[in-house]
PDB file of N, CA and C in Angstrom:
ATOM      1  N   MET A   1      20.036 -24.960  13.944  1.00  0.00           N
ATOM      2  CA  MET A   1      19.065 -23.463  13.489  1.00  0.00           C
ATOM      3  C   MET A   1      18.452 -23.548  12.188  1.00  0.00           C
ATOM      4  N   LYS A   2      17.162 -22.868  12.364  1.00  0.00           N
ATOM      5  CA  LYS A   2      16.129 -22.801  10.896  1.00  0.00           C
ATOM      6  C   LYS A   2      16.363 -21.055  10.598  1.00  0.00           C
ATOM      7  N   VAL A   3      16.415 -20.674  10.023  1.00  0.00           N
ATOM      8  CA  VAL A   3      16.197 -19.453   9.309  1.00  0.00           C
ATOM      9  C   VAL A   3      15.080 -19.782   7.903  1.00  0.00           C
ATOM     10  N   LYS A   4      14.217 -18.912   7.988  1.00  0.00           N
ATOM     11  CA  LYS A   4      13.904 -18.766   6.908  1.00  0.00           C
ATOM     12  C   LYS A   4      13.879 -17.674   6.118  1.00  0.00           C
ATOM     13  N   GLY A   5      13.958 -18.079   4.692  1.00  0.00           N
ATOM     14  CA  GLY A   5      14.380 -16.774   3.652  1.00  0.00           C
ATOM     15  C   GLY A   5      13.459 -17.353   2.027  1.00  0.00           C
ATOM     16  N   ILE A   6      14.131 -16.048   1.601  1.00  0.00           N
ATOM     17  CA  ILE A   6      13.582 -16.172  -0.031  1.00  0.00           C
ATOM     18  C   ILE A   6      14.317 -15.946  -0.854  1.00  0.00           C
ATOM     19  N   LYS A   7      14.231 -17.436  -1.785  1.00  0.00           N
ATOM     20  CA  LYS A   7      14.824 -17.275  -3.138  1.00  0.00           C
ATOM     21  C   LYS A   7      14.959 -16.052  -4.508  1.00  0.00           C
ATOM     22  N   ARG A   8      15.946 -15.384  -4.650  1.00  0.00           N
ATOM     23  CA  ARG A   8      15.629 -14.497  -5.611  1.00  0.00           C
ATOM     24  C   ARG A   8      16.820 -14.434  -6.203  1.00  0.00           C
ATOM     25  N   GLY A   9      16.475 -15.375  -7.571  1.00  0.00           N
ATOM     26  CA  GLY A   9      17.889 -15.233  -8.461  1.00  0.00           C
ATOM     27  C   GLY A   9      18.573 -16.537  -8.470  1.00  0.00           C
ATOM     28  N   GLN A  10      20.064 -16.119  -7.896  1.00  0.00           N
ATOM     29  CA  GLN A  10      21.036 -17.050  -7.001  1.00  0.00           C
ATOM     30  C   GLN A  10      21.341 -16.755  -5.649  1.00  0.00           C
ATOM     31  N   SER A  11      20.282 -15.575  -5.560  1.00  0.00           N
ATOM     32  CA  SER A  11      20.126 -15.716  -3.630  1.00  0.00           C
ATOM     33  C   SER A  11      19.440 -16.046  -3.096  1.00  0.00           C
ATOM     34  N   ILE A  12      19.762 -16.155  -1.445  1.00  0.00           N
ATOM     35  CA  ILE A  12      18.879 -16.479  -0.527  1.00  0.00           C
ATOM     36  C   ILE A  12      18.399 -15.058   0.233  1.00  0.00           C
ATOM     37  N   GLU A  13      17.315 -14.742   0.528  1.00  0.00           N
ATOM     38  CA  GLU A  13      17.247 -13.214   1.463  1.00  0.00           C
ATOM     39  C   GLU A  13      16.476 -13.651   2.258  1.00  0.00           C
ATOM     40  N   LEU A  14      17.238 -13.729   4.011  1.00  0.00           N
ATOM     41  CA  LEU A  14      16.996 -14.276   4.988  1.00  0.00           C
ATOM     42  C   LEU A  14      15.784 -13.534   5.721  1.00  0.00           C
ATOM     43  N   LEU A  15      14.837 -13.985   6.254  1.00  0.00           N
ATOM     44  CA  LEU A  15      13.588 -13.282   7.168  1.00  0.00           C
ATOM     45  C   LEU A  15      14.201 -12.397   8.520  1.00  0.00           C
ATOM     46  N   GLU A  16      15.601 -12.734   8.793  1.00  0.00           N
ATOM     47  CA  GLU A  16      15.694 -12.379  10.214  1.00  0.00           C
ATOM     48  C   GLU A  16      17.329 -12.330  10.163  1.00  0.00           C
ATOM     49  N   GLU A  17      18.031 -11.830  11.484  1.00  0.00           N
ATOM     50  CA  GLU A  17      19.682 -11.737  11.612  1.00  0.00           C
ATOM     51  C   GLU A  17      20.168 -13.064  11.561  1.00  0.00           C
ATOM     52  N   LEU A  18      21.211 -13.384  10.956  1.00  0.00           N
ATOM     53  CA  LEU A  18      21.828 -14.179  11.354  1.00  0.00           C
ATOM     54  C   LEU A  18      23.047 -13.550  12.484  1.00  0.00           C
ATOM     55  N   ASN A  19      23.475 -14.638  13.137  1.00  0.00           N
ATOM     56  CA  ASN A  19      24.619 -14.122  14.138  1.00  0.00           C
ATOM     57  C   ASN A  19      25.889 -14.794  13.695  1.00  0.00           C
ATOM     58  N   ILE A  20      26.237 -14.586  12.614  1.00  0.00           N
ATOM     59  CA  ILE A  20      27.318 -15.210  12.335  1.00  0.00           C
ATOM     60  C   ILE A  20      28.303 -14.355  11.469  1.00  0.00           C
ATOM     61  N   PRO A  21      29.510 -14.573  11.384  1.00  0.00           N
ATOM     62  CA  PRO A  21      30.568 -13.617  10.355  1.00  0.00           C
ATOM     63  C   PRO A  21      30.383 -13.690   9.106  1.00  0.00           C
ATOM     64  N   ASP A  22      29.930 -12.655   8.450  1.00  0.00           N
ATOM     65  CA  ASP A  22      30.418 -12.807   7.148  1.00  0.00           C
ATOM     66  C   ASP A  22      31.754 -13.715   5.919  1.00  0.00           C
ATOM     67  N   GLY A  23      31.090 -13.873   5.056  1.00  0.00           N
ATOM     68  CA  GLY A  23      32.308 -14.493   4.358  1.00  0.00           C
ATOM     69  C   GLY A  23      32.411 -15.839   5.256  1.00  0.00           C
ATOM     70  N   ILE A  24      31.111 -16.475   6.243  1.00  0.00           N
ATOM     71  CA  ILE A  24      31.615 -18.086   6.150  1.00  0.00           C
ATOM     72  C   ILE A  24      30.741 -19.125   5.147  1.00  0.00           C
ATOM     73  N   GLU A  25      31.544 -20.377   5.561  1.00  0.00           N
ATOM     74  CA  GLU A  25      30.710 -21.279   3.823  1.00  0.00           C
ATOM     75  C   GLU A  25      29.457 -21.893   5.395  1.00  0.00           C
ATOM     76  N   ILE A  26      28.142 -21.752   4.669  1.00  0.00           N
ATOM     77  CA  ILE A  26      27.699 -22.522   5.400  1.00  0.00           C
ATOM     78  C   ILE A  26      26.642 -23.311   4.156  1.00  0.00           C
ATOM     79  N   THR A  27      25.680 -24.628   5.299  1.00  0.00           N
ATOM     80  CA  THR A  27      25.232 -25.732   4.184  1.00  0.00           C
ATOM     81  C   THR A  27      23.479 -25.248   4.384  1.00  0.00           C
ATOM     82  N   ILE A  28      23.122 -25.464   3.341  1.00  0.00           N
ATOM     83  CA  ILE A  28      21.253 -25.045   3.138  1.00  0.00           C
ATOM     84  C   ILE A  28      20.564 -26.081   3.599  1.00  0.00           C
ATOM     85  N   GLU A  29      19.717 -26.448   3.906  1.00  0.00           N
ATOM     86  CA  GLU A  29      18.852 -27.534   3.730  1.00  0.00           C
ATOM     87  C   GLU A  29      17.479 -26.825   3.256  1.00  0.00           C
ATOM     88  N   VAL A  30      17.220 -27.364   1.834  1.00  0.00           N
ATOM     89  CA  VAL A  30      15.899 -26.414   1.131  1.00  0.00           C
ATOM     90  C   VAL A  30      14.529 -27.439   1.289  1.00  0.00           C
ATOM     91  N   ALA A  31      13.927 -26.738   2.122  1.00  0.00           N
ATOM     92  CA  ALA A  31      12.310 -27.282   2.236  1.00  0.00           C
ATOM     93  C   ALA A  31      11.306 -26.562   1.661  1.00  0.00           C
ATOM     94  N   MET A  32      10.485 -26.708   0.673  1.00  0.00           N
ATOM     95  CA  MET A  32       9.907 -25.743   0.187  1.00  0.00           C
ATOM     96  C   MET A  32       8.135 -26.049   1.141  1.00  0.00           C
ATOM     97  N   THR A  33       8.107 -24.807   1.202  1.00  0.00           N
ATOM     98  CA  THR A  33       6.628 -24.783   1.965  1.00  0.00           C
ATOM     99  C   THR A  33       5.689 -24.874   0.608  1.00  0.00           C
ATOM    100  N   SER A  34       4.430 -25.730   1.097  1.00  0.00           N
ATOM    101  CA  SER A  34       3.392 -25.864   0.158  1.00  0.00           C
ATOM    102  C   SER A  34       2.425 -24.649  -0.137  1.00  0.00           C
ATOM    103  N   SER A  35       1.916 -24.242  -0.998  1.00  0.00           N
ATOM    104  CA  SER A  35       1.429 -23.465  -1.430  1.00  0.00           C
ATOM    105  C   SER A  35      -0.184 -24.002  -0.915  1.00  0.00           C
ATOM    106  N   LEU A  36      -1.429 -23.213  -0.140  1.00  0.00           N
ATOM    107  CA  LEU A  36      -2.095 -23.777  -0.295  1.00  0.00           C
ATOM    108  C   LEU A  36      -3.154 -23.234  -1.358  1.00  0.00           C
ATOM    109  N   SER A  37      -3.797 -24.507  -1.556  1.00  0.00           N
ATOM    110  CA  SER A  37      -4.922 -23.892  -3.019  1.00  0.00           C
ATOM    111  C   SER A  37      -5.988 -22.969  -2.474  1.00  0.00           C
ATOM    112  N   GLU A  38      -6.457 -22.690  -3.381  1.00  0.00           N
ATOM    113  CA  GLU A  38      -7.669 -20.964  -2.995  1.00  0.00           C
ATOM    114  C   GLU A  38      -8.823 -22.121  -2.240  1.00  0.00           C
ATOM    115  N   GLN A  39      -9.316 -23.611  -2.652  1.00  0.00           N
ATOM    116  CA  GLN A  39     -10.055 -24.154  -1.756  1.00  0.00           C
ATOM    117  C   GLN A  39      -9.379 -24.442  -0.779  1.00  0.00           C
ATOM    118  N   GLU A  40      -8.487 -24.655  -0.543  1.00  0.00           N
ATOM    119  CA  GLU A  40      -7.846 -25.192   0.667  1.00  0.00           C
ATOM    120  C   GLU A  40      -7.754 -23.687   1.778  1.00  0.00           C
ATOM    121  N   ARG A  41      -7.643 -22.449   1.441  1.00  0.00           N
ATOM    122  CA  ARG A  41      -7.221 -21.220   2.317  1.00  0.00           C
ATOM    123  C   ARG A  41      -9.238 -21.178   2.519  1.00  0.00           C
ATOM    124  N   LEU A  42      -9.665 -20.903   1.835  1.00  0.00           N
ATOM    125  CA  LEU A  42     -11.424 -20.889   1.735  1.00  0.00           C
ATOM    126  C   LEU A  42     -11.864 -21.780   3.144  1.00  0.00           C
ATOM    127  N   THR A  43     -11.459 -23.354   3.015  1.00  0.00           N
ATOM    128  CA  THR A  43     -11.835 -24.334   3.634  1.00  0.00           C
ATOM    129  C   THR A  43     -11.543 -24.126   5.678  1.00  0.00           C
ATOM    130  N   ARG A  44      -9.939 -23.756   5.288  1.00  0.00           N
ATOM    131  CA  ARG A  44      -9.462 -22.735   6.683  1.00  0.00           C
ATOM    132  C   ARG A  44     -10.517 -21.228   6.783  1.00  0.00           C
ATOM    133  N   LEU A  45     -10.740 -21.096   6.498  1.00  0.00           N
ATOM    134  CA  LEU A  45     -11.095 -19.235   6.938  1.00  0.00           C
ATOM    135  C   LEU A  45     -12.764 -19.762   7.133  1.00  0.00           C
ATOM    136  N   ASN A  46     -13.171 -20.802   6.489  1.00  0.00           N
ATOM    137  CA  ASN A  46     -14.735 -21.264   6.571  1.00  0.00           C
ATOM    138  C   ASN A  46     -14.810 -21.586   8.098  1.00  0.00           C
ATOM    139  N   GLN A  47     -13.532 -22.519   8.655  1.00  0.00           N
ATOM    140  CA  GLN A  47     -13.515 -23.360  10.333  1.00  0.00           C
ATOM    141  C   GLN A  47     -13.101 -22.192  11.198  1.00  0.00           C
ATOM    142  N   ILE A  48     -12.511 -20.904  11.160  1.00  0.00           N
ATOM    143  CA  ILE A  48     -12.330 -19.804  11.996  1.00  0.00           C
ATOM    144  C   ILE A  48     -13.733 -18.903  12.010  1.00  0.00           C
ATOM    145  N   PHE A  49     -14.400 -18.760  10.761  1.00  0.00           N
ATOM    146  CA  PHE A  49     -15.657 -17.633  11.021  1.00  0.00           C
ATOM    147  C   PHE A  49     -16.102 -17.619  12.300  1.00  0.00           C
ATOM    148  N   GLY A  50     -16.957 -16.970  12.634  1.00  0.00           N
ATOM    149  CA  GLY A  50     -17.091 -17.400  13.845  1.00  0.00           C
ATOM    150  C   GLY A  50     -16.893 -17.480  15.683  1.00  0.00           C
ATOM    151  N   ALA A  51     -15.446 -17.442  15.168  1.00  0.00           N
ATOM    152  CA  ALA A  51     -14.520 -17.893  16.153  1.00  0.00           C
ATOM    153  C   ALA A  51     -14.854 -17.361  17.731  1.00  0.00           C
ATOM    154  N   TRP A  52     -15.059 -15.836  17.482  1.00  0.00           N
ATOM    155  CA  TRP A  52     -15.278 -14.631  18.538  1.00  0.00           C
ATOM    156  C   TRP A  52     -16.846 -14.323  18.599  1.00  0.00           C
ATOM    157  N   LYS A  53     -17.377 -14.928  18.031  1.00  0.00           N
ATOM    158  CA  LYS A  53     -19.149 -15.131  17.848  1.00  0.00           C
ATOM    159  C   LYS A  53     -19.576 -15.476  19.551  1.00  0.00           C
ATOM    160  N   ASN A  54     -20.601 -14.514  19.952  1.00  0.00           N
ATOM    161  CA  ASN A  54     -21.192 -14.738  21.218  1.00  0.00           C
ATOM    162  C   ASN A  54     -20.285 -14.874  22.211  1.00  0.00           C
ATOM    163  N   GLN A  55     -19.439 -13.664  22.491  1.00  0.00           N
ATOM    164  CA  GLN A  55     -18.588 -13.358  23.555  1.00  0.00           C
ATOM    165  C   GLN A  55     -18.677 -12.268  23.854  1.00  0.00           C
ATOM    166  N   PRO A  56     -19.532 -11.802  24.732  1.00  0.00           N
ATOM    167  CA  PRO A  56     -19.919 -10.548  25.424  1.00  0.00           C
ATOM    168  C   PRO A  56     -18.898  -9.549  26.065  1.00  0.00           C
ATOM    169  N   ALA A  57     -18.123 -10.185  26.348  1.00  0.00           N
ATOM    170  CA  ALA A  57     -16.651  -9.374  27.143  1.00  0.00           C
ATOM    171  C   ALA A  57     -15.770  -8.898  25.622  1.00  0.00           C
ATOM    172  N   LEU A  58     -16.133  -9.153  24.688  1.00  0.00           N
ATOM    173  CA  LEU A  58     -15.161  -8.883  23.508  1.00  0.00           C
ATOM    174  C   LEU A  58     -16.011  -8.059  22.706  1.00  0.00           C
ATOM    175  N   ASP A  59     -17.397  -7.980  22.565  1.00  0.00           N
ATOM    176  CA  ASP A  59     -18.654  -6.687  21.999  1.00  0.00           C
ATOM    177  C   ASP A  59     -18.271  -5.505  23.233  1.00  0.00           C
ATOM    178  N   GLN A  60     -17.928  -5.723  24.023  1.00  0.00           N
ATOM    179  CA  GLN A  60     -18.351  -4.640  25.361  1.00  0.00           C
ATOM    180  C   GLN A  60     -16.670  -3.940  24.879  1.00  0.00           C
ATOM    181  N   THR A  61     -15.473  -4.526  25.034  1.00  0.00           N
ATOM    182  CA  THR A  61     -14.000  -3.708  24.621  1.00  0.00           C
ATOM    183  C   THR A  61     -14.091  -3.643  23.245  1.00  0.00           C
ATOM    184  N   PHE A  62     -14.594  -3.829  22.198  1.00  0.00           N
ATOM    185  CA  PHE A  62     -14.972  -2.997  20.879  1.00  0.00           C
ATOM    186  C   PHE A  62     -15.934  -1.381  21.047  1.00  0.00           C
ATOM    187  N   ALA A  63     -16.587  -2.174  21.765  1.00  0.00           N
ATOM    188  CA  ALA A  63     -17.620  -1.025  22.149  1.00  0.00           C
ATOM    189  C   ALA A  63     -16.764   0.528  22.867  1.00  0.00           C
ATOM    190  N   GLU A  64     -16.082  -0.191  23.707  1.00  0.00           N
ATOM    191  CA  GLU A  64     -15.401   0.778  24.685  1.00  0.00           C
ATOM    192  C   GLU A  64     -13.692   2.074  23.516  1.00  0.00           C
ATOM    193  N   ILE A  65     -13.405   0.245  22.764  1.00  0.00           N
ATOM    194  CA  ILE A  65     -12.353   1.098  21.873  1.00  0.00           C
ATOM    195  C   ILE A  65     -13.300   2.554  20.880  1.00  0.00           C
ATOM    196  N   ASP A  66     -14.112   2.095  20.211  1.00  0.00           N
ATOM    197  CA  ASP A  66     -15.109   2.763  19.237  1.00  0.00           C
ATOM    198  C   ASP A  66     -15.434   3.664  19.988  1.00  0.00           C
ATOM    199  N   SER A  67     -15.798   3.920  21.197  1.00  0.00           N
ATOM    200  CA  SER A  67     -16.195   4.858  22.176  1.00  0.00           C
ATOM    201  C   SER A  67     -15.154   6.254  22.411  1.00  0.00           C
ATOM    202  N   GLU A  68     -13.773   5.417  23.031  1.00  0.00           N
ATOM    203  CA  GLU A  68     -12.861   6.435  22.598  1.00  0.00           C
ATOM    204  C   GLU A  68     -11.925   7.273  21.589  1.00  0.00           C
ATOM    205  N   ARG A  69     -12.414   6.489  20.416  1.00  0.00           N
ATOM    206  CA  ARG A  69     -12.085   6.713  19.291  1.00  0.00           C
ATOM    207  C   ARG A  69     -12.586   7.941  18.434  1.00  0.00           C
ATOM    208  N   HIS A  70     -14.070   7.872  18.573  1.00  0.00           N
ATOM    209  CA  HIS A  70     -14.837   9.092  18.612  1.00  0.00           C
ATOM    210  C   HIS A  70     -14.796  10.133  19.369  1.00  0.00           C
ATOM    211  N   ALA A  71     -14.247   9.951  21.040  1.00  0.00           N
ATOM    212  CA  ALA A  71     -14.641  11.287  21.929  1.00  0.00           C
ATOM    213  C   ALA A  71     -13.488  12.004  21.744  1.00  0.00           C
ATOM    214  N   TYR A  72     -12.340  11.619  20.990  1.00  0.00           N
ATOM    215  CA  TYR A  72     -10.867  12.934  21.076  1.00  0.00           C
ATOM    216  C   TYR A  72     -11.298  14.121  20.105  1.00  0.00           C
ATOM    217  N   GLN A  73     -11.332  15.047  21.336  1.00  0.00           N
ATOM    218  CA  GLN A  73     -11.460  16.389  20.454  1.00  0.00           C
ATOM    219  C   GLN A  73     -10.925  17.102  19.933  1.00  0.00           C
ATOM    220  N   GLY A  74      -9.099  16.582  20.108  1.00  0.00           N
ATOM    221  CA  GLY A  74      -7.553  17.284  20.061  1.00  0.00           C
ATOM    222  C   GLY A  74      -7.431  18.302  21.271  1.00  0.00           C
ATOM    223  N   ARG A  75      -6.183  18.518  20.998  1.00  0.00           N
ATOM    224  CA  ARG A  75      -5.514  19.561  22.205  1.00  0.00           C
ATOM    225  C   ARG A  75      -5.996  21.024  22.408  1.00  0.00           C
ATOM    226  N   VAL A  76      -5.776  21.212  23.276  1.00  0.00           N
ATOM    227  CA  VAL A  76      -5.993  22.746  23.105  1.00  0.00           C
ATOM    228  C   VAL A  76      -4.845  23.295  23.107  1.00  0.00           C
ATOM    229  N   ILE A  77      -4.773  24.241  22.218  1.00  0.00           N
ATOM    230  CA  ILE A  77      -4.045  25.159  21.989  1.00  0.00           C
ATOM    231  C   ILE A  77      -4.368  26.808  22.517  1.00  0.00           C
ATOM    232  N   GLU A  78      -3.573  27.069  23.199  1.00  0.00           N
ATOM    233  CA  GLU A  78      -3.224  28.519  23.970  1.00  0.00           C
ATOM    234  C   GLU A  78      -3.481  29.591  22.709  1.00  0.00           C
ATOM    235  N   PRO A  79      -4.214  30.486  23.120  1.00  0.00           N
ATOM    236  CA  PRO A  79      -4.543  31.516  22.089  1.00  0.00           C
ATOM    237  C   PRO A  79      -2.728  32.541  22.024  1.00  0.00           C
ATOM    238  N   ILE A  80      -2.675  33.312  20.852  1.00  0.00           N
ATOM    239  CA  ILE A  80      -1.456  33.923  20.773  1.00  0.00           C
ATOM    240  C   ILE A  80      -1.789  35.562  21.239  1.00  0.00           C
ATOM    241  N   ASP A  81      -1.773  35.540  22.293  1.00  0.00           N
ATOM    242  CA  ASP A  81      -1.345  37.221  22.665  1.00  0.00           C
ATOM    243  C   ASP A  81      -0.063  38.219  21.822  1.00  0.00           C
ATOM    244  N   ASP A  82      -0.819  39.358  20.871  1.00  0.00           N
ATOM    245  CA  ASP A  82       0.323  40.007  19.866  1.00  0.00           C
ATOM    246  C   ASP A  82       0.560  41.270  20.900  1.00  0.00           C
TER     247      ASP A  82
END
């Protein structure tokens, strides 16, 4: 079983629920994830920029979403007669 967590002082905060009883002894194998440098992140972003370019179906979908978002005029409220 693999579970990710974040070390905070002498504690490890797990990022998901473990289905084991409290107080049970466990063994942890530490594998640090390497952080990407700013240049590596930029390189990866540049690789995916434009991935949705020239896809008319996506253009149509986003146009419909925009149209629906701006078409809603609120709900009808019935007048109160005294």
